[in-house]
Amino acid sequence: MWGMSDIPPESPDFDAMTRDIAEVPAVEVIVTVAVNLMSAAAVKLGLSEEGEKYKDLDEARKLIGALAGLLDASATEVSSFHAAPLRDGLKSLQLAFREASIVPDEPGQGPGEKYTGPIYG
């Protein structure tokens, strides 16, 4: 229970957040989400400076699958200027996953390969 001298926590300014989001083009939101998924997947693959400390291939698989689905779903919405480097990054993550796996998936069964097709490494 709040006392007279307690200061209640600040509530988020949802109106300001809505205005900020309204000003951002959809392509920018998609690219930002894709880059965040890539970064998280790289960390979970053990590719960060901390390496093995955060390595978790199960989590990496989920993130790579989500990235592949996002890129597949937004392919017609995002220009090739944005899409090409994102697809290259996805392929690099898929190859890194294949290399990091003790028992590699069959071609076409790796993370995101239902969207991209088989990745050979």
PDB file of N, CA and C in Angstrom:
ATOM      1  N   MET A   1       0.848  -1.174   0.000  1.00  0.00           N
ATOM      2  CA  MET A   1       0.000   0.000   0.000  1.00  0.00           C
ATOM      3  C   MET A   1       0.894   1.239   0.000  1.00  0.00           C
ATOM      4  N   TRP A   2       0.513   2.216  -0.753  1.00  0.00           N
ATOM      5  CA  TRP A   2       1.295   3.438  -0.869  1.00  0.00           C
ATOM      6  C   TRP A   2       1.064   4.348   0.329  1.00  0.00           C
ATOM      7  N   GLY A   3       2.153   4.855   0.884  1.00  0.00           N
ATOM      8  CA  GLY A   3       2.067   5.849   1.946  1.00  0.00           C
ATOM      9  C   GLY A   3       2.077   7.231   1.336  1.00  0.00           C
ATOM     10  N   MET A   4       1.870   8.246   2.155  1.00  0.00           N
ATOM     11  CA  MET A   4       1.833   9.618   1.664  1.00  0.00           C
ATOM     12  C   MET A   4       3.170  10.048   1.079  1.00  0.00           C
ATOM     13  N   SER A   5       4.260   9.502   1.622  1.00  0.00           N
ATOM     14  CA  SER A   5       5.569   9.943   1.137  1.00  0.00           C
ATOM     15  C   SER A   5       6.078   9.095  -0.033  1.00  0.00           C
ATOM     16  N   ASP A   6       5.369   8.010  -0.337  1.00  0.00           N
ATOM     17  CA  ASP A   6       5.788   7.165  -1.452  1.00  0.00           C
ATOM     18  C   ASP A   6       5.408   7.807  -2.784  1.00  0.00           C
ATOM     19  N   ILE A   7       6.296   7.647  -3.732  1.00  0.00           N
ATOM     20  CA  ILE A   7       6.031   8.160  -5.072  1.00  0.00           C
ATOM     21  C   ILE A   7       5.657   6.960  -5.941  1.00  0.00           C
ATOM     22  N   PRO A   8       4.481   6.986  -6.550  1.00  0.00           N
ATOM     23  CA  PRO A   8       4.082   5.847  -7.374  1.00  0.00           C
ATOM     24  C   PRO A   8       5.008   5.723  -8.593  1.00  0.00           C
ATOM     25  N   PRO A   9       5.203   4.499  -9.073  1.00  0.00           N
ATOM     26  CA  PRO A   9       6.047   4.338 -10.258  1.00  0.00           C
ATOM     27  C   PRO A   9       5.420   5.054 -11.443  1.00  0.00           C
ATOM     28  N   GLU A  10       6.279   5.576 -12.310  1.00  0.00           N
ATOM     29  CA  GLU A  10       5.785   6.283 -13.487  1.00  0.00           C
ATOM     30  C   GLU A  10       5.144   5.299 -14.436  1.00  0.00           C
ATOM     31  N   SER A  11       4.002   5.681 -14.961  1.00  0.00           N
ATOM     32  CA  SER A  11       3.382   4.818 -15.959  1.00  0.00           C
ATOM     33  C   SER A  11       3.915   5.226 -17.330  1.00  0.00           C
ATOM     34  N   PRO A  12       4.005   4.260 -18.243  1.00  0.00           N
ATOM     35  CA  PRO A  12       4.509   4.589 -19.574  1.00  0.00           C
ATOM     36  C   PRO A  12       3.578   5.558 -20.287  1.00  0.00           C
ATOM     37  N   ASP A  13       4.137   6.401 -21.108  1.00  0.00           N
ATOM     38  CA  ASP A  13       3.361   7.363 -21.882  1.00  0.00           C
ATOM     39  C   ASP A  13       2.950   6.684 -23.194  1.00  0.00           C
ATOM     40  N   PHE A  14       1.822   5.971 -23.165  1.00  0.00           N
ATOM     41  CA  PHE A  14       1.381   5.213 -24.325  1.00  0.00           C
ATOM     42  C   PHE A  14       1.034   6.110 -25.502  1.00  0.00           C
ATOM     43  N   ASP A  15       0.549   7.306 -25.242  1.00  0.00           N
ATOM     44  CA  ASP A  15       0.241   8.221 -26.345  1.00  0.00           C
ATOM     45  C   ASP A  15       1.505   8.598 -27.095  1.00  0.00           C
ATOM     46  N   ALA A  16       2.569   8.880 -26.360  1.00  0.00           N
ATOM     47  CA  ALA A  16       3.838   9.230 -27.000  1.00  0.00           C
ATOM     48  C   ALA A  16       4.410   8.030 -27.758  1.00  0.00           C
ATOM     49  N   MET A  17       4.286   6.840 -27.150  1.00  0.00           N
ATOM     50  CA  MET A  17       4.789   5.647 -27.823  1.00  0.00           C
ATOM     51  C   MET A  17       4.017   5.395 -29.116  1.00  0.00           C
ATOM     52  N   THR A  18       2.718   5.601 -29.098  1.00  0.00           N
ATOM     53  CA  THR A  18       1.888   5.419 -30.293  1.00  0.00           C
ATOM     54  C   THR A  18       2.286   6.408 -31.369  1.00  0.00           C
ATOM     55  N   ARG A  19       2.505   7.665 -30.989  1.00  0.00           N
ATOM     56  CA  ARG A  19       2.940   8.677 -31.957  1.00  0.00           C
ATOM     57  C   ARG A  19       4.281   8.292 -32.557  1.00  0.00           C
ATOM     58  N   ASP A  20       5.211   7.823 -31.726  1.00  0.00           N
ATOM     59  CA  ASP A  20       6.535   7.433 -32.222  1.00  0.00           C
ATOM     60  C   ASP A  20       6.423   6.293 -33.228  1.00  0.00           C
ATOM     61  N   ILE A  21       5.622   5.288 -32.906  1.00  0.00           N
ATOM     62  CA  ILE A  21       5.447   4.140 -33.803  1.00  0.00           C
ATOM     63  C   ILE A  21       4.760   4.567 -35.089  1.00  0.00           C
ATOM     64  N   ALA A  22       3.812   5.466 -34.999  1.00  0.00           N
ATOM     65  CA  ALA A  22       3.062   5.918 -36.171  1.00  0.00           C
ATOM     66  C   ALA A  22       3.968   6.591 -37.195  1.00  0.00           C
ATOM     67  N   GLU A  23       5.064   7.159 -36.730  1.00  0.00           N
ATOM     68  CA  GLU A  23       5.973   7.870 -37.627  1.00  0.00           C
ATOM     69  C   GLU A  23       7.002   6.966 -38.297  1.00  0.00           C
ATOM     70  N   VAL A  24       7.058   5.698 -37.905  1.00  0.00           N
ATOM     71  CA  VAL A  24       8.064   4.775 -38.438  1.00  0.00           C
ATOM     72  C   VAL A  24       7.459   3.973 -39.585  1.00  0.00           C
ATOM     73  N   PRO A  25       8.114   3.991 -40.765  1.00  0.00           N
ATOM     74  CA  PRO A  25       7.608   3.198 -41.888  1.00  0.00           C
ATOM     75  C   PRO A  25       7.658   1.695 -41.564  1.00  0.00           C
ATOM     76  N   ALA A  26       6.718   0.946 -42.114  1.00  0.00           N
ATOM     77  CA  ALA A  26       6.615  -0.493 -41.865  1.00  0.00           C
ATOM     78  C   ALA A  26       7.919  -1.217 -42.203  1.00  0.00           C
ATOM     79  N   VAL A  27       8.554  -0.843 -43.301  1.00  0.00           N
ATOM     80  CA  VAL A  27       9.801  -1.507 -43.702  1.00  0.00           C
ATOM     81  C   VAL A  27      10.855  -1.362 -42.612  1.00  0.00           C
ATOM     82  N   GLU A  28      10.903  -0.207 -41.993  1.00  0.00           N
ATOM     83  CA  GLU A  28      11.865   0.030 -40.917  1.00  0.00           C
ATOM     84  C   GLU A  28      11.575  -0.858 -39.709  1.00  0.00           C
ATOM     85  N   VAL A  29      10.310  -1.041 -39.389  1.00  0.00           N
ATOM     86  CA  VAL A  29       9.935  -1.911 -38.274  1.00  0.00           C
ATOM     87  C   VAL A  29      10.333  -3.351 -38.595  1.00  0.00           C
ATOM     88  N   ILE A  30      10.036  -3.808 -39.804  1.00  0.00           N
ATOM     89  CA  ILE A  30      10.372  -5.177 -40.208  1.00  0.00           C
ATOM     90  C   ILE A  30      11.875  -5.401 -40.152  1.00  0.00           C
ATOM     91  N   VAL A  31      12.644  -4.473 -40.699  1.00  0.00           N
ATOM     92  CA  VAL A  31      14.108  -4.610 -40.701  1.00  0.00           C
ATOM     93  C   VAL A  31      14.645  -4.605 -39.269  1.00  0.00           C
ATOM     94  N   THR A  32      14.116  -3.743 -38.417  1.00  0.00           N
ATOM     95  CA  THR A  32      14.569  -3.684 -37.024  1.00  0.00           C
ATOM     96  C   THR A  32      14.295  -4.996 -36.301  1.00  0.00           C
ATOM     97  N   VAL A  33      13.113  -5.542 -36.488  1.00  0.00           N
ATOM     98  CA  VAL A  33      12.779  -6.820 -35.861  1.00  0.00           C
ATOM     99  C   VAL A  33      13.704  -7.918 -36.399  1.00  0.00           C
ATOM    100  N   ALA A  34      13.941  -7.919 -37.701  1.00  0.00           N
ATOM    101  CA  ALA A  34      14.815  -8.931 -38.299  1.00  0.00           C
ATOM    102  C   ALA A  34      16.231  -8.838 -37.730  1.00  0.00           C
ATOM    103  N   VAL A  35      16.750  -7.637 -37.598  1.00  0.00           N
ATOM    104  CA  VAL A  35      18.101  -7.456 -37.048  1.00  0.00           C
ATOM    105  C   VAL A  35      18.147  -7.907 -35.589  1.00  0.00           C
ATOM    106  N   ASN A  36      17.095  -7.622 -34.832  1.00  0.00           N
ATOM    107  CA  ASN A  36      17.043  -8.085 -33.442  1.00  0.00           C
ATOM    108  C   ASN A  36      17.020  -9.612 -33.371  1.00  0.00           C
ATOM    109  N   LEU A  37      16.249 -10.263 -34.239  1.00  0.00           N
ATOM    110  CA  LEU A  37      16.222 -11.721 -34.282  1.00  0.00           C
ATOM    111  C   LEU A  37      17.591 -12.274 -34.667  1.00  0.00           C
ATOM    112  N   MET A  38      18.245 -11.641 -35.628  1.00  0.00           N
ATOM    113  CA  MET A  38      19.588 -12.078 -36.048  1.00  0.00           C
ATOM    114  C   MET A  38      20.578 -11.972 -34.897  1.00  0.00           C
ATOM    115  N   SER A  39      20.551 -10.853 -34.217  1.00  0.00           N
ATOM    116  CA  SER A  39      21.480 -10.635 -33.106  1.00  0.00           C
ATOM    117  C   SER A  39      21.256 -11.656 -31.998  1.00  0.00           C
ATOM    118  N   ALA A  40      20.003 -11.884 -31.656  1.00  0.00           N
ATOM    119  CA  ALA A  40      19.691 -12.858 -30.609  1.00  0.00           C
ATOM    120  C   ALA A  40      20.111 -14.263 -31.025  1.00  0.00           C
ATOM    121  N   ALA A  41      19.869 -14.621 -32.277  1.00  0.00           N
ATOM    122  CA  ALA A  41      20.262 -15.946 -32.773  1.00  0.00           C
ATOM    123  C   ALA A  41      21.776 -16.109 -32.743  1.00  0.00           C
ATOM    124  N   ALA A  42      22.507 -15.068 -33.116  1.00  0.00           N
ATOM    125  CA  ALA A  42      23.972 -15.137 -33.095  1.00  0.00           C
ATOM    126  C   ALA A  42      24.482 -15.383 -31.679  1.00  0.00           C
ATOM    127  N   VAL A  43      23.897 -14.709 -30.714  1.00  0.00           N
ATOM    128  CA  VAL A  43      24.290 -14.909 -29.313  1.00  0.00           C
ATOM    129  C   VAL A  43      23.999 -16.347 -28.897  1.00  0.00           C
ATOM    130  N   LYS A  44      22.811 -16.844 -29.248  1.00  0.00           N
ATOM    131  CA  LYS A  44      22.422 -18.208 -28.863  1.00  0.00           C
ATOM    132  C   LYS A  44      23.240 -19.270 -29.607  1.00  0.00           C
ATOM    133  N   LEU A  45      23.855 -18.890 -30.723  1.00  0.00           N
ATOM    134  CA  LEU A  45      24.749 -19.806 -31.435  1.00  0.00           C
ATOM    135  C   LEU A  45      26.160 -19.793 -30.855  1.00  0.00           C
ATOM    136  N   GLY A  46      26.396 -18.908 -29.891  1.00  0.00           N
ATOM    137  CA  GLY A  46      27.716 -18.816 -29.284  1.00  0.00           C
ATOM    138  C   GLY A  46      28.677 -17.951 -30.079  1.00  0.00           C
ATOM    139  N   LEU A  47      28.138 -17.055 -30.914  1.00  0.00           N
ATOM    140  CA  LEU A  47      28.971 -16.226 -31.778  1.00  0.00           C
ATOM    141  C   LEU A  47      29.307 -14.865 -31.167  1.00  0.00           C
ATOM    142  N   SER A  48      28.881 -14.631 -29.930  1.00  0.00           N
ATOM    143  CA  SER A  48      29.191 -13.358 -29.277  1.00  0.00           C
ATOM    144  C   SER A  48      30.561 -13.450 -28.612  1.00  0.00           C
ATOM    145  N   GLU A  49      31.009 -12.335 -28.056  1.00  0.00           N
ATOM    146  CA  GLU A  49      32.298 -12.315 -27.353  1.00  0.00           C
ATOM    147  C   GLU A  49      32.315 -13.300 -26.194  1.00  0.00           C
ATOM    148  N   GLU A  50      31.164 -13.497 -25.559  1.00  0.00           N
ATOM    149  CA  GLU A  50      31.060 -14.418 -24.421  1.00  0.00           C
ATOM    150  C   GLU A  50      31.035 -15.869 -24.877  1.00  0.00           C
ATOM    151  N   GLY A  51      30.824 -16.102 -26.172  1.00  0.00           N
ATOM    152  CA  GLY A  51      30.858 -17.438 -26.750  1.00  0.00           C
ATOM    153  C   GLY A  51      29.947 -18.445 -26.102  1.00  0.00           C
ATOM    154  N   GLU A  52      30.539 -19.461 -25.529  1.00  0.00           N
ATOM    155  CA  GLU A  52      29.808 -20.601 -24.980  1.00  0.00           C
ATOM    156  C   GLU A  52      28.874 -20.240 -23.823  1.00  0.00           C
ATOM    157  N   LYS A  53      29.126 -19.128 -23.165  1.00  0.00           N
ATOM    158  CA  LYS A  53      28.342 -18.763 -21.981  1.00  0.00           C
ATOM    159  C   LYS A  53      26.839 -18.703 -22.283  1.00  0.00           C
ATOM    160  N   TYR A  54      26.465 -18.195 -23.451  1.00  0.00           N
ATOM    161  CA  TYR A  54      25.060 -18.017 -23.788  1.00  0.00           C
ATOM    162  C   TYR A  54      24.584 -18.975 -24.882  1.00  0.00           C
ATOM    163  N   LYS A  55      25.427 -19.913 -25.259  1.00  0.00           N
ATOM    164  CA  LYS A  55      25.084 -20.823 -26.346  1.00  0.00           C
ATOM    165  C   LYS A  55      23.913 -21.718 -25.947  1.00  0.00           C
ATOM    166  N   ASP A  56      22.898 -21.750 -26.799  1.00  0.00           N
ATOM    167  CA  ASP A  56      21.713 -22.563 -26.573  1.00  0.00           C
ATOM    168  C   ASP A  56      21.107 -22.833 -27.954  1.00  0.00           C
ATOM    169  N   LEU A  57      21.416 -23.986 -28.529  1.00  0.00           N
ATOM    170  CA  LEU A  57      20.993 -24.275 -29.895  1.00  0.00           C
ATOM    171  C   LEU A  57      19.478 -24.416 -30.033  1.00  0.00           C
ATOM    172  N   ASP A  58      18.805 -24.869 -28.997  1.00  0.00           N
ATOM    173  CA  ASP A  58      17.344 -24.956 -29.056  1.00  0.00           C
ATOM    174  C   ASP A  58      16.745 -23.559 -29.218  1.00  0.00           C
ATOM    175  N   GLU A  59      17.242 -22.615 -28.445  1.00  0.00           N
ATOM    176  CA  GLU A  59      16.776 -21.228 -28.564  1.00  0.00           C
ATOM    177  C   GLU A  59      17.170 -20.635 -29.913  1.00  0.00           C
ATOM    178  N   ALA A  60      18.382 -20.923 -30.374  1.00  0.00           N
ATOM    179  CA  ALA A  60      18.835 -20.420 -31.673  1.00  0.00           C
ATOM    180  C   ALA A  60      17.931 -20.922 -32.786  1.00  0.00           C
ATOM    181  N   ARG A  61      17.548 -22.202 -32.712  1.00  0.00           N
ATOM    182  CA  ARG A  61      16.660 -22.788 -33.732  1.00  0.00           C
ATOM    183  C   ARG A  61      15.352 -21.991 -33.822  1.00  0.00           C
ATOM    184  N   LYS A  62      14.780 -21.662 -32.684  1.00  0.00           N
ATOM    185  CA  LYS A  62      13.517 -20.913 -32.651  1.00  0.00           C
ATOM    186  C   LYS A  62      13.680 -19.530 -33.268  1.00  0.00           C
ATOM    187  N   LEU A  63      14.753 -18.863 -32.904  1.00  0.00           N
ATOM    188  CA  LEU A  63      14.985 -17.506 -33.416  1.00  0.00           C
ATOM    189  C   LEU A  63      15.242 -17.511 -34.918  1.00  0.00           C
ATOM    190  N   ILE A  64      16.012 -18.475 -35.401  1.00  0.00           N
ATOM    191  CA  ILE A  64      16.294 -18.566 -36.832  1.00  0.00           C
ATOM    192  C   ILE A  64      15.013 -18.899 -37.597  1.00  0.00           C
ATOM    193  N   GLY A  65      14.194 -19.789 -37.048  1.00  0.00           N
ATOM    194  CA  GLY A  65      12.918 -20.106 -37.680  1.00  0.00           C
ATOM    195  C   GLY A  65      12.004 -18.893 -37.764  1.00  0.00           C
ATOM    196  N   ALA A  66      11.954 -18.118 -36.689  1.00  0.00           N
ATOM    197  CA  ALA A  66      11.131 -16.904 -36.676  1.00  0.00           C
ATOM    198  C   ALA A  66      11.651 -15.888 -37.694  1.00  0.00           C
ATOM    199  N   LEU A  67      12.958 -15.747 -37.777  1.00  0.00           N
ATOM    200  CA  LEU A  67      13.556 -14.823 -38.754  1.00  0.00           C
ATOM    201  C   LEU A  67      13.217 -15.262 -40.175  1.00  0.00           C
ATOM    202  N   ALA A  68      13.362 -16.553 -40.461  1.00  0.00           N
ATOM    203  CA  ALA A  68      13.061 -17.062 -41.804  1.00  0.00           C
ATOM    204  C   ALA A  68      11.592 -16.826 -42.145  1.00  0.00           C
ATOM    205  N   GLY A  69      10.696 -17.066 -41.178  1.00  0.00           N
ATOM    206  CA  GLY A  69       9.276 -16.832 -41.412  1.00  0.00           C
ATOM    207  C   GLY A  69       8.965 -15.372 -41.671  1.00  0.00           C
ATOM    208  N   LEU A  70       9.585 -14.495 -40.892  1.00  0.00           N
ATOM    209  CA  LEU A  70       9.387 -13.055 -41.087  1.00  0.00           C
ATOM    210  C   LEU A  70       9.866 -12.627 -42.471  1.00  0.00           C
ATOM    211  N   LEU A  71      11.044 -13.076 -42.863  1.00  0.00           N
ATOM    212  CA  LEU A  71      11.589 -12.682 -44.168  1.00  0.00           C
ATOM    213  C   LEU A  71      10.745 -13.254 -45.300  1.00  0.00           C
ATOM    214  N   ASP A  72      10.268 -14.470 -45.142  1.00  0.00           N
ATOM    215  CA  ASP A  72       9.408 -15.074 -46.157  1.00  0.00           C
ATOM    216  C   ASP A  72       8.106 -14.293 -46.284  1.00  0.00           C
ATOM    217  N   ALA A  73       7.498 -13.984 -45.154  1.00  0.00           N
ATOM    218  CA  ALA A  73       6.209 -13.281 -45.154  1.00  0.00           C
ATOM    219  C   ALA A  73       6.326 -11.848 -45.668  1.00  0.00           C
ATOM    220  N   SER A  74       7.467 -11.232 -45.466  1.00  0.00           N
ATOM    221  CA  SER A  74       7.609  -9.821 -45.842  1.00  0.00           C
ATOM    222  C   SER A  74       8.383  -9.634 -47.148  1.00  0.00           C
ATOM    223  N   ALA A  75       8.674 -10.706 -47.853  1.00  0.00           N
ATOM    224  CA  ALA A  75       9.501 -10.629 -49.059  1.00  0.00           C
ATOM    225  C   ALA A  75       8.969  -9.632 -50.082  1.00  0.00           C
ATOM    226  N   THR A  76       7.662  -9.576 -50.260  1.00  0.00           N
ATOM    227  CA  THR A  76       7.102  -8.658 -51.259  1.00  0.00           C
ATOM    228  C   THR A  76       6.949  -7.241 -50.728  1.00  0.00           C
ATOM    229  N   GLU A  77       7.097  -7.084 -49.421  1.00  0.00           N
ATOM    230  CA  GLU A  77       6.918  -5.771 -48.806  1.00  0.00           C
ATOM    231  C   GLU A  77       8.232  -5.013 -48.626  1.00  0.00           C
ATOM    232  N   VAL A  78       9.329  -5.744 -48.583  1.00  0.00           N
ATOM    233  CA  VAL A  78      10.639  -5.151 -48.312  1.00  0.00           C
ATOM    234  C   VAL A  78      11.432  -5.128 -49.618  1.00  0.00           C
ATOM    235  N   SER A  79      12.007  -3.993 -49.951  1.00  0.00           N
ATOM    236  CA  SER A  79      12.766  -3.887 -51.192  1.00  0.00           C
ATOM    237  C   SER A  79      13.993  -4.788 -51.162  1.00  0.00           C
ATOM    238  N   SER A  80      14.519  -5.106 -52.334  1.00  0.00           N
ATOM    239  CA  SER A  80      15.713  -5.960 -52.399  1.00  0.00           C
ATOM    240  C   SER A  80      16.902  -5.285 -51.721  1.00  0.00           C
ATOM    241  N   PHE A  81      16.888  -3.966 -51.665  1.00  0.00           N
ATOM    242  CA  PHE A  81      17.940  -3.227 -50.962  1.00  0.00           C
ATOM    243  C   PHE A  81      18.024  -3.678 -49.502  1.00  0.00           C
ATOM    244  N   HIS A  82      16.875  -3.901 -48.878  1.00  0.00           N
ATOM    245  CA  HIS A  82      16.822  -4.352 -47.486  1.00  0.00           C
ATOM    246  C   HIS A  82      16.836  -5.876 -47.402  1.00  0.00           C
ATOM    247  N   ALA A  83      16.139  -6.538 -48.315  1.00  0.00           N
ATOM    248  CA  ALA A  83      15.954  -7.984 -48.222  1.00  0.00           C
ATOM    249  C   ALA A  83      17.239  -8.767 -48.460  1.00  0.00           C
ATOM    250  N   ALA A  84      18.059  -8.359 -49.409  1.00  0.00           N
ATOM    251  CA  ALA A  84      19.260  -9.134 -49.755  1.00  0.00           C
ATOM    252  C   ALA A  84      20.205  -9.321 -48.566  1.00  0.00           C
ATOM    253  N   PRO A  85      20.580  -8.250 -47.846  1.00  0.00           N
ATOM    254  CA  PRO A  85      21.470  -8.470 -46.705  1.00  0.00           C
ATOM    255  C   PRO A  85      20.812  -9.274 -45.582  1.00  0.00           C
ATOM    256  N   LEU A  86      19.497  -9.144 -45.434  1.00  0.00           N
ATOM    257  CA  LEU A  86      18.802  -9.929 -44.409  1.00  0.00           C
ATOM    258  C   LEU A  86      18.822 -11.406 -44.771  1.00  0.00           C
ATOM    259  N   ARG A  87      18.600 -11.720 -46.045  1.00  0.00           N
ATOM    260  CA  ARG A  87      18.661 -13.119 -46.483  1.00  0.00           C
ATOM    261  C   ARG A  87      20.072 -13.677 -46.333  1.00  0.00           C
ATOM    262  N   ASP A  88      21.085 -12.858 -46.642  1.00  0.00           N
ATOM    263  CA  ASP A  88      22.478 -13.298 -46.464  1.00  0.00           C
ATOM    264  C   ASP A  88      22.770 -13.586 -44.993  1.00  0.00           C
ATOM    265  N   GLY A  89      22.287 -12.714 -44.112  1.00  0.00           N
ATOM    266  CA  GLY A  89      22.484 -12.923 -42.682  1.00  0.00           C
ATOM    267  C   GLY A  89      21.794 -14.182 -42.203  1.00  0.00           C
ATOM    268  N   LEU A  90      20.582 -14.425 -42.706  1.00  0.00           N
ATOM    269  CA  LEU A  90      19.841 -15.634 -42.346  1.00  0.00           C
ATOM    270  C   LEU A  90      20.618 -16.876 -42.780  1.00  0.00           C
ATOM    271  N   LYS A  91      21.114 -16.852 -44.002  1.00  0.00           N
ATOM    272  CA  LYS A  91      21.867 -18.016 -44.497  1.00  0.00           C
ATOM    273  C   LYS A  91      23.123 -18.250 -43.652  1.00  0.00           C
ATOM    274  N   SER A  92      23.793 -17.188 -43.268  1.00  0.00           N
ATOM    275  CA  SER A  92      24.987 -17.316 -42.416  1.00  0.00           C
ATOM    276  C   SER A  92      24.636 -17.945 -41.076  1.00  0.00           C
ATOM    277  N   LEU A  93      23.509 -17.538 -40.505  1.00  0.00           N
ATOM    278  CA  LEU A  93      23.068 -18.112 -39.233  1.00  0.00           C
ATOM    279  C   LEU A  93      22.704 -19.588 -39.400  1.00  0.00           C
ATOM    280  N   GLN A  94      22.043 -19.911 -40.502  1.00  0.00           N
ATOM    281  CA  GLN A  94      21.676 -21.300 -40.758  1.00  0.00           C
ATOM    282  C   GLN A  94      22.928 -22.173 -40.904  1.00  0.00           C
ATOM    283  N   LEU A  95      23.933 -21.654 -41.602  1.00  0.00           N
ATOM    284  CA  LEU A  95      25.188 -22.399 -41.752  1.00  0.00           C
ATOM    285  C   LEU A  95      25.904 -22.541 -40.409  1.00  0.00           C
ATOM    286  N   ALA A  96      25.906 -21.480 -39.621  1.00  0.00           N
ATOM    287  CA  ALA A  96      26.543 -21.534 -38.304  1.00  0.00           C
ATOM    288  C   ALA A  96      25.826 -22.545 -37.412  1.00  0.00           C
ATOM    289  N   PHE A  97      24.502 -22.599 -37.519  1.00  0.00           N
ATOM    290  CA  PHE A  97      23.745 -23.574 -36.741  1.00  0.00           C
ATOM    291  C   PHE A  97      24.142 -24.989 -37.154  1.00  0.00           C
ATOM    292  N   ARG A  98      24.237 -25.214 -38.449  1.00  0.00           N
ATOM    293  CA  ARG A  98      24.611 -26.536 -38.966  1.00  0.00           C
ATOM    294  C   ARG A  98      25.988 -26.938 -38.448  1.00  0.00           C
ATOM    295  N   GLU A  99      26.923 -25.996 -38.448  1.00  0.00           N
ATOM    296  CA  GLU A  99      28.284 -26.274 -37.970  1.00  0.00           C
ATOM    297  C   GLU A  99      28.314 -26.522 -36.460  1.00  0.00           C
ATOM    298  N   ALA A 100      27.459 -25.833 -35.725  1.00  0.00           N
ATOM    299  CA  ALA A 100      27.461 -25.952 -34.259  1.00  0.00           C
ATOM    300  C   ALA A 100      26.756 -27.214 -33.767  1.00  0.00           C
ATOM    301  N   SER A 101      25.916 -27.798 -34.609  1.00  0.00           N
ATOM    302  CA  SER A 101      25.142 -28.974 -34.202  1.00  0.00           C
ATOM    303  C   SER A 101      26.018 -30.223 -34.180  1.00  0.00           C
ATOM    304  N   ILE A 102      25.915 -30.960 -33.092  1.00  0.00           N
ATOM    305  CA  ILE A 102      26.651 -32.218 -32.976  1.00  0.00           C
ATOM    306  C   ILE A 102      26.073 -33.240 -33.945  1.00  0.00           C
ATOM    307  N   VAL A 103      24.751 -33.293 -34.008  1.00  0.00           N
ATOM    308  CA  VAL A 103      24.057 -34.164 -34.960  1.00  0.00           C
ATOM    309  C   VAL A 103      23.300 -33.251 -35.921  1.00  0.00           C
ATOM    310  N   PRO A 104      23.885 -32.982 -37.095  1.00  0.00           N
ATOM    311  CA  PRO A 104      23.248 -32.033 -38.019  1.00  0.00           C
ATOM    312  C   PRO A 104      21.887 -32.519 -38.521  1.00  0.00           C
ATOM    313  N   ASP A 105      21.004 -31.564 -38.764  1.00  0.00           N
ATOM    314  CA  ASP A 105      19.709 -31.868 -39.364  1.00  0.00           C
ATOM    315  C   ASP A 105      19.919 -32.318 -40.801  1.00  0.00           C
ATOM    316  N   GLU A 106      18.977 -33.100 -41.294  1.00  0.00           N
ATOM    317  CA  GLU A 106      18.978 -33.458 -42.714  1.00  0.00           C
ATOM    318  C   GLU A 106      18.753 -32.175 -43.519  1.00  0.00           C
ATOM    319  N   PRO A 107      19.314 -32.082 -44.728  1.00  0.00           N
ATOM    320  CA  PRO A 107      19.044 -30.899 -45.556  1.00  0.00           C
ATOM    321  C   PRO A 107      17.538 -30.679 -45.715  1.00  0.00           C
ATOM    322  N   GLY A 108      17.115 -29.456 -45.484  1.00  0.00           N
ATOM    323  CA  GLY A 108      15.709 -29.102 -45.547  1.00  0.00           C
ATOM    324  C   GLY A 108      15.006 -29.182 -44.200  1.00  0.00           C
ATOM    325  N   GLN A 109      15.671 -29.737 -43.189  1.00  0.00           N
ATOM    326  CA  GLN A 109      15.066 -29.889 -41.866  1.00  0.00           C
ATOM    327  C   GLN A 109      15.655 -28.927 -40.835  1.00  0.00           C
ATOM    328  N   GLY A 110      16.645 -28.161 -41.210  1.00  0.00           N
ATOM    329  CA  GLY A 110      17.272 -27.216 -40.291  1.00  0.00           C
ATOM    330  C   GLY A 110      16.363 -26.033 -40.007  1.00  0.00           C
ATOM    331  N   PRO A 111      16.769 -25.183 -39.076  1.00  0.00           N
ATOM    332  CA  PRO A 111      15.923 -24.046 -38.705  1.00  0.00           C
ATOM    333  C   PRO A 111      15.662 -23.114 -39.885  1.00  0.00           C
ATOM    334  N   GLY A 112      14.398 -22.863 -40.126  1.00  0.00           N
ATOM    335  CA  GLY A 112      13.995 -21.933 -41.181  1.00  0.00           C
ATOM    336  C   GLY A 112      14.039 -22.502 -42.581  1.00  0.00           C
ATOM    337  N   GLU A 113      14.513 -23.741 -42.738  1.00  0.00           N
ATOM    338  CA  GLU A 113      14.674 -24.289 -44.084  1.00  0.00           C
ATOM    339  C   GLU A 113      13.345 -24.598 -44.763  1.00  0.00           C
ATOM    340  N   LYS A 114      12.260 -24.670 -43.993  1.00  0.00           N
ATOM    341  CA  LYS A 114      10.960 -24.854 -44.653  1.00  0.00           C
ATOM    342  C   LYS A 114      10.593 -23.594 -45.442  1.00  0.00           C
ATOM    343  N   TYR A 115      11.220 -22.467 -45.100  1.00  0.00           N
ATOM    344  CA  TYR A 115      10.982 -21.223 -45.834  1.00  0.00           C
ATOM    345  C   TYR A 115      12.051 -20.955 -46.895  1.00  0.00           C
ATOM    346  N   THR A 116      13.291 -21.350 -46.603  1.00  0.00           N
ATOM    347  CA  THR A 116      14.393 -21.002 -47.503  1.00  0.00           C
ATOM    348  C   THR A 116      14.812 -22.127 -48.431  1.00  0.00           C
ATOM    349  N   GLY A 117      14.390 -23.332 -48.114  1.00  0.00           N
ATOM    350  CA  GLY A 117      14.895 -24.491 -48.828  1.00  0.00           C
ATOM    351  C   GLY A 117      16.151 -24.973 -48.130  1.00  0.00           C
ATOM    352  N   PRO A 118      16.672 -26.132 -48.554  1.00  0.00           N
ATOM    353  CA  PRO A 118      17.841 -26.716 -47.875  1.00  0.00           C
ATOM    354  C   PRO A 118      19.071 -25.814 -47.923  1.00  0.00           C
ATOM    355  N   ILE A 119      19.798 -25.820 -46.834  1.00  0.00           N
ATOM    356  CA  ILE A 119      21.060 -25.092 -46.735  1.00  0.00           C
ATOM    357  C   ILE A 119      22.168 -26.126 -46.634  1.00  0.00           C
ATOM    358  N   TYR A 120      23.111 -26.033 -47.535  1.00  0.00           N
ATOM    359  CA  TYR A 120      24.233 -26.964 -47.520  1.00  0.00           C
ATOM    360  C   TYR A 120      25.469 -26.226 -47.078  1.00  0.00           C
ATOM    361  N   GLY A 121      26.268 -26.852 -46.220  1.00  0.00           N
ATOM    362  CA  GLY A 121      27.435 -26.158 -45.688  1.00  0.00           C
ATOM    363  C   GLY A 121      28.704 -26.834 -45.840  1.00  0.00           C
TER     364      GLY A 121
END
